Every structure is written in C-alpha cells, then in structure tokens.
Amino acid sequence: CCHAAHMLDVPSSMDSSHRPPKTLQVCEQKHEVHNRSEEAWQKALISHAMARPRFVPTVQSNGKRQKRTAEGSGAHVGRMTLDPGVTAFCFAASRTGETALDANIKAHQRGVMSFCLIEALAALRNRCTYEMLLEKASTKMDDIREKYMPTMDQYIQLSFCPNSAPSEVVVLDARYARVAQHRLTQRARLAERGPSNEALRNTDGCPAPVREVSTEFVPSPNYYPPDRLGQPPACSSGQSPAACGSPPPAASAG
C-alpha cells in the first residue's frame, strides 16, 4: 500500500519512525489530510533523486462519501471490522500526514518502500518474520534518507491482526496462515476450563492435571542458515520435529 497507514481496520501496528519499531495497540479515527494540494505536491519533489509524491491532490465530491465502516464500529472505538481469525498484515509506505515517494533508484523509477522491502527480503534470503522484514527494510530506508534524500519524511508502517503477531509469522509461508485462528482456539479452550477444575476431572472423579494448551504444532519462525536454506532445522535426540521448528506432518486421509 502506498500511503494508507490504516488500510486494515485493526488497532495493532508497528511504527518504524521509532528505533526499534514501536508496537502500538490503539489507533486513531481515520481522517482526511487537507494539505494535499498542488502546492504541497510541488514542495515534496526532490529533483536530484527524481523523487515525487505518490499521492494525488484531493478530489472534491458533491455527493456524500460512503463510510467504509458502519456507524459506531471500527478499530478506533475498539470494534474492529476485520475477522479476528484472519492472519493479516499490511505494509504502508508512510503515515497519513507523510509523503510516500517514487524515486530513481539504481536507474529505475520505483516506490521507495517497494525497493526497501525487496532489498530486505534478498538480504534475509527470503526467510524471515514480518517483524524482521520491517526492521531490515526500515534500516535500508534510513540509509537512503541519510545519504540521498534527507528531506524524505516517510516511515514504513506495518498494521496487523492482533491475533497474528509479526514476530510469530513467517513472510509468505502458507503454514502460518491459520495462526490467528489458532490463537482464538487456544483462548476458547482456556475459557472453557473456567476458574475451577470442575471441567477437568477424570472418569474416576479425580482432578486431571492442569497444563497449558500445546502450541507445538505451530512451526517456529526459525531462520534457516544459508547452508540449510529450504531445509528443516536439525532436531536433537528425542525432540519432536514440530518442537524444533519443522513443519507439522500432513494429516492422513480418513
């Protein structure tokens, strides 16, 4: 996403203007930035880098704009509209009041955030969590800001579903698609236990031992060393493959 820092209606985000990126659990109500005029567009140009803003001047509408969320709902009032069981992430090139830039980088005109994300993925050998990707891309953007475009004011934002932490989900790995739903299932099982152990008795009436719900079937977001790229990490003797980060075994038919 170019500059819509809150495209996802979620309260959780990471702001890379802080080092390390700061995690936020609340969000403000979305509002229109009225200074996106032709004059502001011209002021944001950086001629030596052939950099220009990605936004366009505000379009005036005579009709009433339809709201994306119903009245009284939205993450800003604690009622996010995104399904809490969806594992979702959204990178935004800047915050609402900042300017997302296109620039001539390595002889190609491209979005600054897009370039930083591609470079970060390559540096991490395409195996990283969303948090690692944000940190690496932000470091690249800081380097561009320091050396080439000191007036650039954009900082990458990462918004995400509260039930899928960026530190726990590997980028573009389908095995992590159900992390948010898994978190909800865990909470539901814990809630069923209640404050007492009445629901935790064996058939002989004796209390069953209380333990936390296992999370071993969720693969650990380990970074594979270059010499083992694409291979599961080695397991120690007696350790299950799921516990050391290997993918869970496929369920057999029937």
C-alpha atoms as a PDB file:
ATOM      1  CA  CYS A   1       0.000   0.000   0.000  1.00  0.00           C
ATOM      2  CA  CYS A   2       1.384   3.427  -0.884  1.00  0.00           C
ATOM      3  CA  HIS A   3       0.336   5.685   1.967  1.00  0.00           C
ATOM      4  CA  ALA A   4      -2.790   4.350   3.680  1.00  0.00           C
ATOM      5  CA  ALA A   5      -1.320   3.534   7.086  1.00  0.00           C
ATOM      6  CA  HIS A   6      -4.646   2.124   8.302  1.00  0.00           C
ATOM      7  CA  MET A   7      -5.932   0.237   5.267  1.00  0.00           C
ATOM      8  CA  LEU A   8      -6.671  -2.662   7.626  1.00  0.00           C
ATOM      9  CA  ASP A   9      -9.281  -1.827  10.251  1.00  0.00           C
ATOM     10  CA  VAL A  10      -7.166  -3.106  13.163  1.00  0.00           C
ATOM     11  CA  PRO A  11      -5.805  -1.451  16.328  1.00  0.00           C
ATOM     12  CA  SER A  12      -2.355  -3.085  16.129  1.00  0.00           C
ATOM     13  CA  SER A  13       0.574  -1.648  14.181  1.00  0.00           C
ATOM     14  CA  MET A  14       4.334  -1.128  14.214  1.00  0.00           C
ATOM     15  CA  ASP A  15       5.768   2.351  13.603  1.00  0.00           C
ATOM     16  CA  SER A  16       9.291   2.415  12.138  1.00  0.00           C
ATOM     17  CA  SER A  17       9.842   6.094  12.985  1.00  0.00           C
ATOM     18  CA  HIS A  18      10.998   4.657  16.330  1.00  0.00           C
ATOM     19  CA  ARG A  19      14.119   2.510  16.551  1.00  0.00           C
ATOM     20  CA  PRO A  20      13.473  -0.312  17.111  1.00  0.00           C
ATOM     21  CA  PRO A  21       9.967  -0.092  15.619  1.00  0.00           C
ATOM     22  CA  LYS A  22       7.357   0.695  18.241  1.00  0.00           C
ATOM     23  CA  THR A  23       4.324  -1.576  18.613  1.00  0.00           C
ATOM     24  CA  LEU A  24       1.001   0.258  19.034  1.00  0.00           C
ATOM     25  CA  GLN A  25      -2.218  -1.358  20.250  1.00  0.00           C
ATOM     26  CA  VAL A  26      -4.559   1.575  19.647  1.00  0.00           C
ATOM     27  CA  CYS A  27      -5.355   3.636  16.569  1.00  0.00           C
ATOM     28  CA  GLU A  28      -6.951   6.999  15.903  1.00  0.00           C
ATOM     29  CA  GLN A  29     -10.030   7.560  13.814  1.00  0.00           C
ATOM     30  CA  LYS A  30      -9.152   7.888  10.147  1.00  0.00           C
ATOM     31  CA  HIS A  31      -9.233  11.438   8.850  1.00  0.00           C
ATOM     32  CA  GLU A  32      -8.534  13.229   5.608  1.00  0.00           C
ATOM     33  CA  VAL A  33      -5.345  15.268   5.296  1.00  0.00           C
ATOM     34  CA  HIS A  34      -6.401  18.585   3.754  1.00  0.00           C
ATOM     35  CA  ASN A  35      -2.932  19.922   2.905  1.00  0.00           C
ATOM     36  CA  ARG A  36      -2.537  17.634  -0.108  1.00  0.00           C
ATOM     37  CA  SER A  37      -2.798  20.491  -2.556  1.00  0.00           C
ATOM     38  CA  GLU A  38      -0.903  21.141  -5.783  1.00  0.00           C
ATOM     39  CA  GLU A  39       1.449  23.422  -3.829  1.00  0.00           C
ATOM     40  CA  ALA A  40       2.205  20.725  -1.252  1.00  0.00           C
ATOM     41  CA  TRP A  41       2.753  18.233  -4.064  1.00  0.00           C
ATOM     42  CA  GLN A  42       5.374  20.519  -5.645  1.00  0.00           C
ATOM     43  CA  LYS A  43       7.167  21.149  -2.336  1.00  0.00           C
ATOM     44  CA  ALA A  44       7.653  17.412  -1.833  1.00  0.00           C
ATOM     45  CA  LEU A  45       9.610  16.991  -5.070  1.00  0.00           C
ATOM     46  CA  ILE A  46      13.291  16.051  -4.665  1.00  0.00           C
ATOM     47  CA  SER A  47      14.804  16.957  -8.020  1.00  0.00           C
ATOM     48  CA  HIS A  48      18.260  15.383  -7.705  1.00  0.00           C
ATOM     49  CA  ALA A  49      16.738  11.969  -6.980  1.00  0.00           C
ATOM     50  CA  MET A  50      13.857  12.455  -9.445  1.00  0.00           C
ATOM     51  CA  ALA A  51      11.603  11.797  -6.458  1.00  0.00           C
ATOM     52  CA  ARG A  52       7.940  12.749  -6.459  1.00  0.00           C
ATOM     53  CA  PRO A  53       4.986  12.050  -4.170  1.00  0.00           C
ATOM     54  CA  ARG A  54       2.768   9.080  -4.890  1.00  0.00           C
ATOM     55  CA  PHE A  55      -0.436  10.766  -3.734  1.00  0.00           C
ATOM     56  CA  VAL A  56      -2.658  12.936  -5.919  1.00  0.00           C
ATOM     57  CA  PRO A  57      -4.464  16.143  -4.904  1.00  0.00           C
ATOM     58  CA  THR A  58      -7.745  15.675  -3.039  1.00  0.00           C
ATOM     59  CA  VAL A  59     -10.735  15.146  -5.306  1.00  0.00           C
ATOM     60  CA  GLN A  60     -13.752  17.243  -4.400  1.00  0.00           C
ATOM     61  CA  SER A  61     -17.048  15.363  -4.409  1.00  0.00           C
ATOM     62  CA  ASN A  62     -20.512  16.872  -4.371  1.00  0.00           C
ATOM     63  CA  GLY A  63     -22.109  13.703  -3.081  1.00  0.00           C
ATOM     64  CA  LYS A  64     -21.937  12.246   0.407  1.00  0.00           C
ATOM     65  CA  ARG A  65     -18.967   9.909   0.801  1.00  0.00           C
ATOM     66  CA  GLN A  66     -19.875   6.379   1.824  1.00  0.00           C
ATOM     67  CA  LYS A  67     -18.132   5.264   5.006  1.00  0.00           C
ATOM     68  CA  ARG A  68     -16.024   2.097   4.964  1.00  0.00           C
ATOM     69  CA  THR A  69     -17.278   1.062   8.407  1.00  0.00           C
ATOM     70  CA  ALA A  70     -20.717   1.249   9.943  1.00  0.00           C
ATOM     71  CA  GLU A  71     -21.531   3.946  12.481  1.00  0.00           C
ATOM     72  CA  GLY A  72     -20.211   3.025  15.917  1.00  0.00           C
ATOM     73  CA  SER A  73     -17.782   0.384  14.627  1.00  0.00           C
ATOM     74  CA  GLY A  74     -14.103   0.444  13.753  1.00  0.00           C
ATOM     75  CA  ALA A  75     -10.794  -0.275  15.458  1.00  0.00           C
ATOM     76  CA  HIS A  76     -10.614   3.285  16.800  1.00  0.00           C
ATOM     77  CA  VAL A  77     -13.616   2.552  19.069  1.00  0.00           C
ATOM     78  CA  GLY A  78     -12.467  -0.955  19.985  1.00  0.00           C
ATOM     79  CA  ARG A  79     -14.710  -2.742  17.463  1.00  0.00           C
ATOM     80  CA  MET A  80     -12.512  -3.694  14.529  1.00  0.00           C
ATOM     81  CA  THR A  81     -14.325  -4.930  11.429  1.00  0.00           C
ATOM     82  CA  LEU A  82     -11.602  -7.380  10.348  1.00  0.00           C
ATOM     83  CA  ASP A  83     -12.436 -11.001  11.212  1.00  0.00           C
ATOM     84  CA  PRO A  84     -10.231 -11.705  14.296  1.00  0.00           C
ATOM     85  CA  GLY A  85      -9.443 -15.149  12.903  1.00  0.00           C
ATOM     86  CA  VAL A  86      -7.750 -13.752   9.793  1.00  0.00           C
ATOM     87  CA  THR A  87      -3.949 -13.680   9.756  1.00  0.00           C
ATOM     88  CA  ALA A  88      -3.402 -10.340   8.025  1.00  0.00           C
ATOM     89  CA  PHE A  89      -0.562  -7.851   7.524  1.00  0.00           C
ATOM     90  CA  CYS A  90      -0.337  -4.579   5.610  1.00  0.00           C
ATOM     91  CA  PHE A  91       2.818  -2.587   4.868  1.00  0.00           C
ATOM     92  CA  ALA A  92       2.212   1.119   4.287  1.00  0.00           C
ATOM     93  CA  ALA A  93       4.875   3.426   2.871  1.00  0.00           C
ATOM     94  CA  SER A  94       4.071   6.264   5.269  1.00  0.00           C
ATOM     95  CA  ARG A  95       1.771   7.588   7.944  1.00  0.00           C
ATOM     96  CA  THR A  96      -1.284   9.637   6.988  1.00  0.00           C
ATOM     97  CA  GLY A  97       0.441  13.028   7.221  1.00  0.00           C
ATOM     98  CA  GLU A  98       3.646  11.923   5.471  1.00  0.00           C
ATOM     99  CA  THR A  99       4.587  11.693   1.797  1.00  0.00           C
ATOM    100  CA  ALA A 100       5.191   8.348   0.079  1.00  0.00           C
ATOM    101  CA  LEU A 101       7.801   8.837  -2.652  1.00  0.00           C
ATOM    102  CA  ASP A 102       8.671   7.394  -6.032  1.00  0.00           C
ATOM    103  CA  ALA A 103      12.370   7.882  -6.809  1.00  0.00           C
ATOM    104  CA  ASN A 104      15.033   6.937  -9.338  1.00  0.00           C
ATOM    105  CA  ILE A 105      16.917   4.160  -7.549  1.00  0.00           C
ATOM    106  CA  LYS A 106      19.546   2.083  -9.360  1.00  0.00           C
ATOM    107  CA  ALA A 107      18.423   3.525 -12.704  1.00  0.00           C
ATOM    108  CA  HIS A 108      14.783   2.523 -12.169  1.00  0.00           C
ATOM    109  CA  GLN A 109      11.822   4.662 -11.149  1.00  0.00           C
ATOM    110  CA  ARG A 110      10.086   2.880  -8.282  1.00  0.00           C
ATOM    111  CA  GLY A 111       8.449   3.312  -4.912  1.00  0.00           C
ATOM    112  CA  VAL A 112      10.964   3.822  -2.115  1.00  0.00           C
ATOM    113  CA  MET A 113       9.191   1.380   0.210  1.00  0.00           C
ATOM    114  CA  SER A 114       8.925  -1.244  -2.543  1.00  0.00           C
ATOM    115  CA  PHE A 115      12.668  -1.018  -3.160  1.00  0.00           C
ATOM    116  CA  CYS A 116      13.456  -1.305   0.558  1.00  0.00           C
ATOM    117  CA  LEU A 117      11.217  -4.359   1.001  1.00  0.00           C
ATOM    118  CA  ILE A 118      12.772  -6.136  -1.994  1.00  0.00           C
ATOM    119  CA  GLU A 119      16.299  -5.390  -0.753  1.00  0.00           C
ATOM    120  CA  ALA A 120      15.392  -6.546   2.756  1.00  0.00           C
ATOM    121  CA  LEU A 121      13.917  -9.832   1.502  1.00  0.00           C
ATOM    122  CA  ALA A 122      17.066 -10.509  -0.520  1.00  0.00           C
ATOM    123  CA  ALA A 123      19.310  -9.736   2.466  1.00  0.00           C
ATOM    124  CA  LEU A 124      17.257 -12.104   4.641  1.00  0.00           C
ATOM    125  CA  ARG A 125      17.317 -14.783   1.915  1.00  0.00           C
ATOM    126  CA  ASN A 126      13.511 -14.745   1.711  1.00  0.00           C
ATOM    127  CA  ARG A 127      13.179 -16.419   5.129  1.00  0.00           C
ATOM    128  CA  CYS A 128      12.087 -14.066   7.889  1.00  0.00           C
ATOM    129  CA  THR A 129       9.193 -12.959  10.054  1.00  0.00           C
ATOM    130  CA  TYR A 130       7.189  -9.833   9.245  1.00  0.00           C
ATOM    131  CA  GLU A 131       8.888  -8.062  12.145  1.00  0.00           C
ATOM    132  CA  MET A 132      12.345  -8.930  10.796  1.00  0.00           C
ATOM    133  CA  LEU A 133      11.333  -7.718   7.325  1.00  0.00           C
ATOM    134  CA  LEU A 134      10.078  -4.398   8.716  1.00  0.00           C
ATOM    135  CA  GLU A 135      13.268  -3.811  10.694  1.00  0.00           C
ATOM    136  CA  LYS A 136      15.527  -4.629   7.736  1.00  0.00           C
ATOM    137  CA  ALA A 137      13.512  -2.519   5.275  1.00  0.00           C
ATOM    138  CA  SER A 138      13.427   0.406   7.729  1.00  0.00           C
ATOM    139  CA  THR A 139      17.213   0.245   8.094  1.00  0.00           C
ATOM    140  CA  LYS A 140      17.523   0.437   4.297  1.00  0.00           C
ATOM    141  CA  MET A 141      15.156   3.401   4.177  1.00  0.00           C
ATOM    142  CA  ASP A 142      17.134   5.184   6.931  1.00  0.00           C
ATOM    143  CA  ASP A 143      20.275   4.701   4.824  1.00  0.00           C
ATOM    144  CA  ILE A 144      18.581   6.271   1.772  1.00  0.00           C
ATOM    145  CA  ARG A 145      17.337   9.150   3.918  1.00  0.00           C
ATOM    146  CA  GLU A 146      20.780   9.814   5.389  1.00  0.00           C
ATOM    147  CA  LYS A 147      22.784   9.601   2.168  1.00  0.00           C
ATOM    148  CA  TYR A 148      20.489  10.707  -0.655  1.00  0.00           C
ATOM    149  CA  MET A 149      17.176  12.255   0.445  1.00  0.00           C
ATOM    150  CA  PRO A 150      17.454  13.970   3.845  1.00  0.00           C
ATOM    151  CA  THR A 151      14.106  15.730   3.365  1.00  0.00           C
ATOM    152  CA  MET A 152      12.215  12.448   2.916  1.00  0.00           C
ATOM    153  CA  ASP A 153       9.693  12.233   5.759  1.00  0.00           C
ATOM    154  CA  GLN A 154       8.145   8.807   5.172  1.00  0.00           C
ATOM    155  CA  TYR A 155       8.446   5.882   7.603  1.00  0.00           C
ATOM    156  CA  ILE A 156       7.156   2.385   6.885  1.00  0.00           C
ATOM    157  CA  GLN A 157       4.139   1.270   8.906  1.00  0.00           C
ATOM    158  CA  LEU A 158       3.031  -2.321   9.469  1.00  0.00           C
ATOM    159  CA  SER A 159      -0.517  -2.980  10.621  1.00  0.00           C
ATOM    160  CA  PHE A 160      -1.656  -6.460  11.612  1.00  0.00           C
ATOM    161  CA  CYS A 161      -4.423  -8.517  13.172  1.00  0.00           C
ATOM    162  CA  PRO A 162      -3.978  -8.561  16.992  1.00  0.00           C
ATOM    163  CA  ASN A 163      -4.066 -12.370  16.923  1.00  0.00           C
ATOM    164  CA  SER A 164      -1.148 -12.719  14.489  1.00  0.00           C
ATOM    165  CA  ALA A 165       1.950 -11.060  15.939  1.00  0.00           C
ATOM    166  CA  PRO A 166       4.577 -10.045  13.317  1.00  0.00           C
ATOM    167  CA  SER A 167       7.258 -11.788  15.385  1.00  0.00           C
ATOM    168  CA  GLU A 168       5.461 -15.141  15.058  1.00  0.00           C
ATOM    169  CA  VAL A 169       4.536 -15.318  11.367  1.00  0.00           C
ATOM    170  CA  VAL A 170       6.967 -16.057   8.542  1.00  0.00           C
ATOM    171  CA  VAL A 171       6.564 -13.940   5.406  1.00  0.00           C
ATOM    172  CA  LEU A 172       4.603 -15.617   2.595  1.00  0.00           C
ATOM    173  CA  ASP A 173       4.642 -19.030   4.293  1.00  0.00           C
ATOM    174  CA  ALA A 174       1.287 -20.761   3.926  1.00  0.00           C
ATOM    175  CA  ARG A 175       1.866 -22.846   7.079  1.00  0.00           C
ATOM    176  CA  TYR A 176       1.313 -19.708   9.168  1.00  0.00           C
ATOM    177  CA  ALA A 177      -1.988 -18.722   7.536  1.00  0.00           C
ATOM    178  CA  ARG A 178      -4.028 -20.070  10.476  1.00  0.00           C
ATOM    179  CA  VAL A 179      -2.014 -18.511  13.318  1.00  0.00           C
ATOM    180  CA  ALA A 180      -4.782 -16.038  14.221  1.00  0.00           C
ATOM    181  CA  GLN A 181      -7.442 -18.759  14.212  1.00  0.00           C
ATOM    182  CA  HIS A 182      -5.162 -20.952  16.358  1.00  0.00           C
ATOM    183  CA  ARG A 183      -4.855 -18.163  18.947  1.00  0.00           C
ATOM    184  CA  LEU A 184      -8.651 -17.860  19.121  1.00  0.00           C
ATOM    185  CA  THR A 185      -8.991 -21.626  19.550  1.00  0.00           C
ATOM    186  CA  GLN A 186      -6.477 -21.585  22.386  1.00  0.00           C
ATOM    187  CA  ARG A 187      -8.369 -18.843  24.205  1.00  0.00           C
ATOM    188  CA  ALA A 188     -11.693 -20.629  23.746  1.00  0.00           C
ATOM    189  CA  ARG A 189     -10.288 -23.819  25.259  1.00  0.00           C
ATOM    190  CA  LEU A 190      -8.831 -21.943  28.205  1.00  0.00           C
ATOM    191  CA  ALA A 191     -12.141 -20.154  28.735  1.00  0.00           C
ATOM    192  CA  GLU A 192     -13.983 -23.473  28.801  1.00  0.00           C
ATOM    193  CA  ARG A 193     -11.926 -24.542  31.792  1.00  0.00           C
ATOM    194  CA  GLY A 194     -13.272 -21.670  33.827  1.00  0.00           C
ATOM    195  CA  PRO A 195     -11.983 -20.580  37.238  1.00  0.00           C
ATOM    196  CA  SER A 196     -12.470 -24.038  38.790  1.00  0.00           C
ATOM    197  CA  ASN A 197     -11.306 -27.529  37.900  1.00  0.00           C
ATOM    198  CA  GLU A 198     -14.822 -28.991  37.692  1.00  0.00           C
ATOM    199  CA  ALA A 199     -14.442 -29.488  33.942  1.00  0.00           C
ATOM    200  CA  LEU A 200     -11.062 -31.118  34.414  1.00  0.00           C
ATOM    201  CA  ARG A 201     -11.950 -34.352  36.233  1.00  0.00           C
ATOM    202  CA  ASN A 202     -11.197 -37.867  35.082  1.00  0.00           C
ATOM    203  CA  THR A 203     -13.904 -40.527  34.927  1.00  0.00           C
ATOM    204  CA  ASP A 204     -12.920 -41.662  38.440  1.00  0.00           C
ATOM    205  CA  GLY A 205     -13.650 -38.209  39.840  1.00  0.00           C
ATOM    206  CA  CYS A 206     -10.027 -37.252  40.453  1.00  0.00           C
ATOM    207  CA  PRO A 207      -8.906 -33.833  39.173  1.00  0.00           C
ATOM    208  CA  ALA A 208      -6.962 -34.009  35.922  1.00  0.00           C
ATOM    209  CA  PRO A 209      -3.600 -32.224  35.797  1.00  0.00           C
ATOM    210  CA  VAL A 210      -3.816 -28.672  34.535  1.00  0.00           C
ATOM    211  CA  ARG A 211      -1.456 -27.647  31.745  1.00  0.00           C
ATOM    212  CA  GLU A 212      -1.331 -25.004  29.047  1.00  0.00           C
ATOM    213  CA  VAL A 213      -2.686 -25.819  25.606  1.00  0.00           C
ATOM    214  CA  SER A 214       0.177 -27.106  23.450  1.00  0.00           C
ATOM    215  CA  THR A 215       1.383 -24.844  20.637  1.00  0.00           C
ATOM    216  CA  GLU A 216       3.958 -27.289  19.283  1.00  0.00           C
ATOM    217  CA  PHE A 217       2.074 -27.895  16.057  1.00  0.00           C
ATOM    218  CA  VAL A 218       2.633 -24.241  15.055  1.00  0.00           C
ATOM    219  CA  PRO A 219       6.072 -24.212  13.350  1.00  0.00           C
ATOM    220  CA  SER A 220       8.602 -21.935  14.992  1.00  0.00           C
ATOM    221  CA  PRO A 221       9.676 -18.988  12.764  1.00  0.00           C
ATOM    222  CA  ASN A 222      13.341 -20.000  12.811  1.00  0.00           C
ATOM    223  CA  TYR A 223      15.706 -18.554  10.262  1.00  0.00           C
ATOM    224  CA  TYR A 224      17.405 -21.366   8.376  1.00  0.00           C
ATOM    225  CA  PRO A 225      21.191 -20.895   7.969  1.00  0.00           C
ATOM    226  CA  PRO A 226      22.406 -20.366   4.383  1.00  0.00           C
ATOM    227  CA  ASP A 227      23.829 -23.895   4.215  1.00  0.00           C
ATOM    228  CA  ARG A 228      20.420 -25.316   5.182  1.00  0.00           C
ATOM    229  CA  LEU A 229      18.212 -22.916   3.225  1.00  0.00           C
ATOM    230  CA  GLY A 230      14.918 -24.597   2.499  1.00  0.00           C
ATOM    231  CA  GLN A 231      15.652 -27.492   4.863  1.00  0.00           C
ATOM    232  CA  PRO A 232      14.116 -28.019   8.314  1.00  0.00           C
ATOM    233  CA  PRO A 233      16.430 -27.408  11.282  1.00  0.00           C
ATOM    234  CA  ALA A 234      18.080 -30.426  12.830  1.00  0.00           C
ATOM    235  CA  CYS A 235      16.326 -31.885  15.864  1.00  0.00           C
ATOM    236  CA  SER A 236      18.095 -33.088  18.953  1.00  0.00           C
ATOM    237  CA  SER A 237      17.672 -36.654  20.135  1.00  0.00           C
ATOM    238  CA  GLY A 238      14.200 -37.310  21.464  1.00  0.00           C
ATOM    239  CA  GLN A 239      12.828 -33.930  20.280  1.00  0.00           C
ATOM    240  CA  SER A 240       9.748 -33.929  18.084  1.00  0.00           C
ATOM    241  CA  PRO A 241      10.035 -32.288  14.632  1.00  0.00           C
ATOM    242  CA  ALA A 242       7.266 -29.793  15.493  1.00  0.00           C
ATOM    243  CA  ALA A 243       9.060 -28.688  18.679  1.00  0.00           C
ATOM    244  CA  CYS A 244      12.246 -27.757  16.824  1.00  0.00           C
ATOM    245  CA  GLY A 245      10.577 -25.804  14.036  1.00  0.00           C
ATOM    246  CA  SER A 246       9.914 -28.402  11.356  1.00  0.00           C
ATOM    247  CA  PRO A 247       6.539 -28.257   9.610  1.00  0.00           C
ATOM    248  CA  PRO A 248       3.802 -30.383  11.127  1.00  0.00           C
ATOM    249  CA  PRO A 249       3.122 -33.756   9.444  1.00  0.00           C
ATOM    250  CA  ALA A 250       0.270 -33.758   6.948  1.00  0.00           C
ATOM    251  CA  ALA A 251      -2.929 -35.323   8.189  1.00  0.00           C
ATOM    252  CA  SER A 252      -3.702 -38.688   6.629  1.00  0.00           C
ATOM    253  CA  ALA A 253      -6.903 -39.103   4.670  1.00  0.00           C
ATOM    254  CA  GLY A 254      -9.748 -40.694   6.575  1.00  0.00           C
END
